[in-house]
Protein backbone atom coordinates (compact mmCIF):
# COMPACT_ATOMS: atom_id res chain seq x y z
CA UNK A 1 -14.74 3.70 -1.33
CA UNK A 2 -17.61 3.22 -3.41
CA UNK A 3 -16.65 2.35 -7.26
CA UNK A 4 -16.96 5.37 -9.38
CA UNK A 5 -18.74 5.05 -12.70
CA UNK A 6 -17.80 5.90 -16.06
CA UNK A 7 -17.32 9.54 -16.47
CA UNK A 8 -20.16 11.10 -18.59
CA UNK A 9 -17.70 12.15 -21.15
CA UNK A 10 -16.42 9.59 -21.07
CA UNK A 11 -20.30 7.77 -22.09
CA UNK A 12 -21.39 10.88 -24.17
CA UNK A 13 -18.16 11.15 -26.42
CA UNK A 14 -18.24 7.43 -27.63
CA UNK A 15 -21.95 7.61 -28.13
CA UNK A 16 -21.29 10.81 -30.67
CA UNK A 17 -18.43 8.73 -32.47
CA UNK A 18 -20.81 5.57 -32.35
CA UNK A 19 -23.59 7.93 -34.03
CA UNK A 20 -21.42 9.63 -36.19
CA UNK A 21 -23.32 13.05 -33.92
CA UNK A 22 -21.29 16.45 -33.25
CA UNK A 23 -20.13 15.97 -29.69
CA UNK A 24 -21.86 18.70 -27.31
CA UNK A 25 -20.76 16.92 -24.46
CA UNK A 26 -17.38 18.24 -23.39
CA UNK A 27 -15.81 21.32 -23.44
CA UNK A 28 -13.04 21.44 -26.19
CA UNK A 29 -12.76 23.50 -29.13
CA UNK A 30 -12.55 22.32 -32.94
CA UNK A 31 -10.25 25.17 -33.63
CA UNK A 32 -6.30 25.64 -33.89
CA UNK A 33 -4.45 27.61 -30.95
CA UNK A 34 -2.34 30.85 -31.81
CA UNK A 35 0.92 29.64 -33.30
CA UNK A 36 2.37 32.17 -30.74
CA UNK A 37 2.35 29.24 -28.51
CA UNK A 38 3.88 26.83 -30.42
CA UNK A 39 6.44 29.21 -30.94
CA UNK A 40 7.19 29.32 -26.76
CA UNK A 41 7.19 26.11 -26.75
CA UNK A 42 10.24 25.87 -29.06
CA UNK A 43 11.60 28.51 -27.33
CA UNK A 44 11.23 26.79 -23.57
CA UNK A 45 12.90 23.46 -24.76
CA UNK A 46 15.33 25.22 -26.54
CA UNK A 47 16.46 27.67 -23.63
CA UNK A 48 16.42 24.81 -20.80
CA UNK A 49 12.58 24.48 -19.12
CA UNK A 50 12.84 20.64 -19.63
CA UNK A 51 13.56 19.74 -15.92
CA UNK A 52 10.83 19.89 -12.53
CA UNK A 53 9.60 23.04 -12.30
CA UNK A 54 9.18 24.38 -8.95
CA UNK A 55 6.42 23.06 -6.85
CA UNK A 56 4.61 26.05 -6.22
CA UNK A 57 4.74 26.58 -10.57
CA UNK A 58 7.32 28.84 -12.41
CA UNK A 59 7.67 32.39 -10.91
CA UNK A 60 7.57 33.61 -14.08
CA UNK A 61 4.12 32.51 -15.22
CA UNK A 62 2.89 33.31 -11.40
CA UNK A 63 3.98 36.76 -12.08
CA UNK A 64 2.52 36.98 -15.07
CA UNK A 65 -1.10 35.32 -13.57
CA UNK A 66 -0.70 38.27 -11.20
CA UNK A 67 -0.27 40.96 -13.80
CA UNK A 68 -3.37 39.64 -15.75
CA UNK A 69 -5.80 39.83 -12.60
CA UNK A 70 -4.57 42.61 -11.57
CA UNK A 71 -5.19 44.18 -15.21
CA UNK A 72 -8.89 42.14 -15.22
CA UNK A 73 -10.10 42.79 -11.47
CA UNK A 74 -7.78 45.44 -10.04
CA UNK A 75 -6.60 42.91 -7.58
CA UNK A 76 -2.91 43.07 -6.21
CA UNK A 77 -1.59 39.35 -5.07
CA UNK A 78 1.13 37.71 -4.40
CA UNK A 79 2.66 35.62 -6.72
CA UNK A 80 4.49 33.28 -3.68
CA UNK A 81 1.92 33.84 -1.19
CA UNK A 82 -1.74 33.04 -3.14
CA UNK A 83 -0.75 31.79 -6.87
CA UNK A 84 -0.11 27.86 -6.95
CA UNK A 85 0.26 26.24 -10.64
CA UNK A 86 -1.46 22.80 -11.01
CA UNK A 87 -2.08 20.03 -14.06
CA UNK A 88 -5.55 21.18 -14.59
CA UNK A 89 -8.74 22.69 -12.71
CA UNK A 90 -10.22 19.04 -11.88
CA UNK A 91 -6.83 18.44 -10.03
CA UNK A 92 -7.30 21.75 -8.18
CA UNK A 93 -10.61 21.12 -7.41
CA UNK A 94 -9.45 17.73 -5.90
CA UNK A 95 -6.15 18.83 -3.97
CA UNK A 96 -8.49 21.73 -2.08
CA UNK A 97 -10.82 18.98 -0.85
CA UNK A 98 -7.79 17.19 0.24
CA UNK A 99 -6.25 19.95 2.17
CA UNK A 100 -8.84 19.90 4.22
CA UNK A 101 -11.65 17.30 3.74
CA UNK A 102 -11.35 14.91 6.67
CA UNK A 103 -13.85 11.71 6.95
CA UNK A 104 -18.13 12.31 7.19
CA UNK A 105 -17.19 16.15 6.87
CA UNK A 106 -19.96 16.94 4.41
CA UNK A 107 -19.85 19.42 0.96
CA UNK A 108 -22.40 20.87 -0.50
CA UNK A 109 -22.92 20.73 -4.29
CA UNK A 110 -25.09 22.98 -6.76
CA UNK A 111 -26.99 20.50 -9.18
CA UNK A 112 -26.42 20.12 -12.00
CA UNK A 113 -22.62 20.39 -11.38
CA UNK A 114 -19.57 19.39 -13.47
CA UNK A 115 -19.37 15.43 -12.80
CA UNK A 116 -15.56 15.74 -10.77
CA UNK A 117 -17.15 17.02 -7.65
CA UNK A 118 -18.98 13.98 -5.96
CA UNK A 119 -16.89 11.59 -6.74
CA UNK A 120 -13.53 13.59 -5.41
CA UNK A 121 -15.87 14.44 -2.66
CA UNK A 122 -16.58 10.66 -1.84
CA UNK A 123 -12.83 9.27 -2.70
CA UNK A 124 -11.86 11.47 0.38
CA UNK A 125 -14.48 10.27 2.33
CA UNK A 126 -16.66 13.05 2.58
CA UNK A 127 -20.24 13.05 2.16
CA UNK A 128 -21.97 14.77 -0.74
CA UNK A 129 -24.87 17.20 -0.05
CA UNK A 130 -26.80 18.04 -3.41
CA UNK A 131 -29.20 20.79 -3.69
CA UNK A 132 -30.67 21.34 -6.55
CA UNK A 133 -31.07 24.96 -8.63
CA UNK A 134 -33.93 26.25 -9.88
CA UNK A 135 -35.08 24.08 -12.77
CA UNK A 136 -36.22 26.70 -14.96
CA UNK A 137 -33.39 29.31 -14.83
CA UNK A 138 -30.78 27.31 -12.89
CA UNK A 139 -30.76 30.33 -10.10
CA UNK A 140 -29.77 28.99 -6.97
CA UNK A 141 -32.35 28.49 -4.22
CA UNK A 142 -30.74 29.86 -1.18
CA UNK A 143 -33.60 28.74 1.16
CA UNK A 144 -32.58 25.43 0.16
CA UNK A 145 -28.89 26.05 1.01
CA UNK A 146 -29.62 27.15 4.28
CA UNK A 147 -31.70 24.36 5.14
CA UNK A 148 -28.65 21.89 4.18
CA UNK A 149 -26.23 23.24 6.38
CA UNK A 150 -25.65 21.28 9.33
CA UNK A 151 -22.89 20.95 11.92
CA UNK A 152 -20.92 18.77 9.54
CA UNK A 153 -20.89 21.23 6.61
CA UNK A 154 -17.14 21.56 6.05
CA UNK A 155 -17.35 23.44 2.12
CA UNK A 156 -19.56 25.08 -0.14
CA UNK A 157 -18.35 24.19 -3.98
CA UNK A 158 -19.94 27.50 -6.33
CA UNK A 159 -19.68 27.82 -9.79
CA UNK A 160 -20.66 30.50 -12.08
CA UNK A 161 -19.99 30.78 -15.03
CA UNK A 162 -21.87 27.76 -14.25
CA UNK A 163 -20.75 24.35 -15.94
CA UNK A 164 -23.23 23.15 -17.89
CA UNK A 165 -25.91 26.24 -18.03
CA UNK A 166 -23.85 29.51 -18.21
CA UNK A 167 -26.00 31.12 -16.00
CA UNK A 168 -23.92 33.59 -14.01
CA UNK A 169 -24.34 34.35 -10.53
CA UNK A 170 -25.70 38.08 -9.46
CA UNK A 171 -24.63 40.30 -6.74
CA UNK A 172 -27.38 39.28 -4.25
CA UNK A 173 -25.94 35.60 -5.00
CA UNK A 174 -23.00 36.47 -3.47
CA UNK A 175 -24.60 38.85 -0.53
CA UNK A 176 -26.80 35.31 0.20
CA UNK A 177 -23.45 33.42 0.11
CA UNK A 178 -21.61 35.89 2.85
CA UNK A 179 -24.28 35.69 5.30
CA UNK A 180 -24.92 31.90 5.04
CA UNK A 181 -20.86 31.30 5.54
CA UNK A 182 -20.33 34.31 8.20
CA UNK A 183 -19.45 33.09 11.63
CA UNK A 184 -18.75 29.65 10.54
CA UNK A 185 -15.35 28.04 9.49
CA UNK A 186 -17.45 26.77 5.93
CA UNK A 187 -15.09 26.68 3.34
CA UNK A 188 -15.51 27.97 -0.26
CA UNK A 189 -14.25 25.91 -3.54
CA UNK A 190 -15.29 28.55 -6.31
CA UNK A 191 -15.08 27.16 -9.93
CA UNK A 192 -14.19 30.11 -11.95
CA UNK A 193 -12.52 28.19 -14.94
CA UNK A 194 -15.22 30.14 -17.37
CA UNK A 195 -14.53 33.59 -16.54
CA UNK A 196 -14.08 34.88 -20.21
CA UNK A 197 -17.12 33.12 -21.60
CA UNK A 198 -19.98 35.69 -20.53
CA UNK A 199 -22.48 36.53 -22.72
CA UNK A 200 -25.21 39.41 -23.52
CA UNK A 201 -22.73 42.19 -21.85
CA UNK A 202 -22.39 40.32 -18.65
CA UNK A 203 -19.16 40.52 -16.92
CA UNK A 204 -17.81 37.77 -13.98
CA UNK A 205 -17.10 38.43 -10.84
CA UNK A 206 -14.45 36.53 -9.13
CA UNK A 207 -14.89 35.62 -5.22
CA UNK A 208 -11.39 37.49 -5.17
CA UNK A 209 -13.15 40.36 -5.05
CA UNK A 210 -14.64 40.20 -2.18
CA UNK A 211 -12.39 40.22 1.36
CA UNK A 212 -14.54 39.10 3.68
CA UNK A 213 -15.37 35.63 0.77
CA UNK A 214 -12.08 35.61 -0.38
CA UNK A 215 -10.49 34.54 3.36
CA UNK A 216 -12.01 31.65 3.10
CA UNK A 217 -11.89 30.72 -0.38
CA UNK A 218 -10.14 28.25 -2.97
CA UNK A 219 -10.61 29.71 -6.60
CA UNK A 220 -10.20 27.37 -9.38
CA UNK A 221 -9.57 28.57 -12.75
CA UNK A 222 -7.90 26.82 -16.15
CA UNK A 223 -5.55 27.77 -18.61
CA UNK A 224 -7.44 25.26 -21.00
CA UNK A 225 -10.35 27.01 -21.14
CA UNK A 226 -8.57 30.61 -20.47
CA UNK A 227 -6.32 29.77 -24.06
CA UNK A 228 -8.35 27.25 -25.88
CA UNK A 229 -5.61 24.54 -25.05
CA UNK A 230 -7.39 21.72 -23.10
CA UNK A 231 -4.97 19.07 -23.79
CA UNK A 232 -2.30 20.97 -21.70
CA UNK A 233 -3.74 20.60 -18.31
CA UNK A 234 -2.63 23.60 -16.89
CA UNK A 235 -4.70 25.36 -14.21
CA UNK A 236 -4.62 27.73 -11.31
CA UNK A 237 -5.51 27.68 -8.01
CA UNK A 238 -5.63 31.46 -5.65
CA UNK A 239 -6.33 31.43 -2.17
CA UNK A 240 -5.05 33.29 0.51
CA UNK A 241 -2.05 32.57 2.15
CA UNK A 242 -2.84 30.61 4.98
CA UNK A 243 -4.89 27.98 2.67
CA UNK A 244 -2.42 28.45 -0.01
CA UNK A 245 0.05 26.71 2.50
CA UNK A 246 -2.70 23.91 3.19
CA UNK A 247 -3.51 23.11 -0.94
CA UNK A 248 0.61 23.27 -1.35
CA UNK A 249 1.17 20.56 1.43
CA UNK A 250 -1.55 18.24 -0.30
CA UNK A 251 -0.06 18.91 -4.08
CA UNK A 252 3.67 18.18 -3.02
CA UNK A 253 2.21 14.65 -2.40
CA UNK A 254 0.12 14.36 -4.92
CA UNK A 255 1.26 16.00 -8.35
CA UNK A 256 3.84 18.11 -7.16
CA UNK A 257 4.49 19.99 -10.39
CA UNK A 258 3.51 20.92 -14.14
CA UNK A 259 5.35 20.53 -17.30
CA UNK A 260 7.77 23.24 -17.49
CA UNK A 261 7.78 23.84 -21.17
CA UNK A 262 3.87 24.25 -21.15
CA UNK A 263 4.75 26.39 -17.68
CA UNK A 264 7.21 28.76 -20.08
CA UNK A 265 5.09 29.30 -22.76
CA UNK A 266 1.61 30.43 -21.31
CA UNK A 267 3.79 32.59 -19.17
CA UNK A 268 5.36 34.39 -22.40
CA UNK A 269 1.94 34.41 -23.76
CA UNK A 270 0.52 36.03 -21.16
CA UNK A 271 2.91 39.15 -21.84
CA UNK A 272 1.62 38.96 -25.56
CA UNK A 273 -1.11 41.16 -26.72
CA UNK A 274 -3.39 38.06 -26.36
CA UNK A 275 -6.61 39.26 -26.75
CA UNK A 276 -8.33 37.23 -23.57
CA UNK A 277 -11.09 39.97 -23.54
CA UNK A 278 -12.27 39.18 -26.96
CA UNK A 279 -12.97 35.14 -25.67
CA UNK A 280 -17.06 36.16 -25.07
CA UNK A 281 -17.83 37.80 -28.50
CA UNK A 282 -16.04 35.16 -30.12
CA UNK A 283 -18.03 32.14 -28.93
CA UNK A 284 -21.50 34.38 -28.00
CA UNK A 285 -21.44 34.08 -32.10
CA UNK A 286 -20.73 30.08 -31.89
CA UNK A 287 -23.65 30.37 -29.20
CA UNK A 288 -25.80 32.44 -31.15
CA UNK A 289 -25.46 30.53 -34.66
CA UNK A 290 -26.09 26.95 -32.55
CA UNK A 291 -29.60 28.67 -31.18
CA UNK A 292 -30.88 29.61 -34.79
CA UNK A 293 -30.01 26.29 -35.75
CA UNK A 294 -32.16 24.88 -32.62
CA UNK A 295 -34.49 27.01 -33.37
CA UNK A 296 -37.29 24.69 -34.91
CA UNK A 297 -36.75 21.96 -32.02
CA UNK A 298 -39.44 21.89 -29.40
CA UNK A 299 -36.51 23.13 -26.72
CA UNK A 300 -36.98 26.39 -24.88
CA UNK A 301 -33.64 27.59 -24.72
CA UNK A 302 -33.15 31.34 -22.89
CA UNK A 303 -30.14 32.89 -23.96
CA UNK A 304 -29.99 34.90 -20.58
CA UNK A 305 -29.74 34.16 -16.98
C-alpha cells in the first residue's frame, strides 16, 4: 500500500491555528448542542447502556431511524434488514468498499471529492478512477463518466449534497446514472451526509427513493452532520438486505459496534421534537452572511447550483 499523505483537514486546521485565521476547512460547528442530548446521555448511563451494543446497532435507534426516514422520504425500511449503525460516515464508506472490493477493481470518484474516498480505495487494493466535475458549476459531465467505465469498474461513489461545493444533483442526473449502470454489476456508494443542508428551497433526493438504483446502493448518513455532534462519530448505512449482510460481514471484524450510550441518546432525541427540517434555513443564513462578507473579494460565488 502506498504511503498516505496527511489529510488536508489536518494540514489546513494547523495552518488556520498558526495564522489565527477562521477555519473553513472542516465541517464542524462552533455552537452548543441541544441540551436534551446531554440529558439523554445521562439517562443512558443511569439505565445501563454502558456495555457493547449489538453489532448492527441498538434496535431502538434503528427503529427510530426508520421512523425518521418514513416521515422525510415516505419510505418503509426494515431496521433489521436495511439499517446498520457505524462509528461515523467515513468508517461506513470504508467498510462498504471493504465488503466487495477486490485488488485491481476500479472505483470511480467525481472530483473535487471528500478526501477519504481515494485513500480508502487504495488501501483496499483498488484503483481510483478520477472524473472531474464541470469546473464552473460542479455539475456532472456524463459523457466523461461513460468514457471512464471499463470492464473492471466495480463501483461509483456519488455525493449529493456535494462536499465541498454544496451542489445538488438534478432529476436528470439520476436518470443518467440509472442508464449507465443498467445491465452491469456496478455498485453505488451514495454519500448523503449533508441531506438536511439544502438551500434556496431545494430538496434532497435520496437514492433510497429509486427502487432500481437502491438495489445496488449503500447510502451513507452521519449523525455528526444531522445533529451537529461531530465528535460523537456515529453514522449509519442503509442498503438492501443482500448488501446489508455483506456490509455487516465486514463491519463485524473492523469496528463491530458503536458506543451504546451515544446510540441511546440519539435514539431518544429522534423521538422528540428535534426540528431537523429547520437545519437548512439555519445554515442558509450563515451562508448568506459569508457571501455578503466576501462580496468585495475577487471571487465568483454562485449561490445556486
